[in-house]
Amino acid sequence: EKADNLSVMPYDGAWSDLGDWTAVWRETEDAGLATKGPALAMDCTDTLLRSENEGQAIVGIGLDNIVAVAMPDAVLVAHKDRAQ
């Protein structure tokens, strides 16, 4: 706020605040399904499957409205409405 070495420029593009996993899902979905990393979805709808660890695959079968994210130290599995 008090720095004298900053510049501000207007931005007219689209913006999405990626504040939760459902926002990430919306940005990457393909027909209601989003996968990243070693992830496989079989018969899933409205689901995000994401692995941040190349050595750990995440597989979903028959999921609906689920966010599943595998990190190197933890795995999150939640209903899309509760994944914040």
Foldseek 3Di string as FASTA:
>chain_A
DPDPPDDDDDDDDDDDDPPWVLSVCVVAPDQLEHEEAQEEEALEGNEYHYEPDNVDYYYYYNYYQWYWYHYPVDIDIDRVVPGD
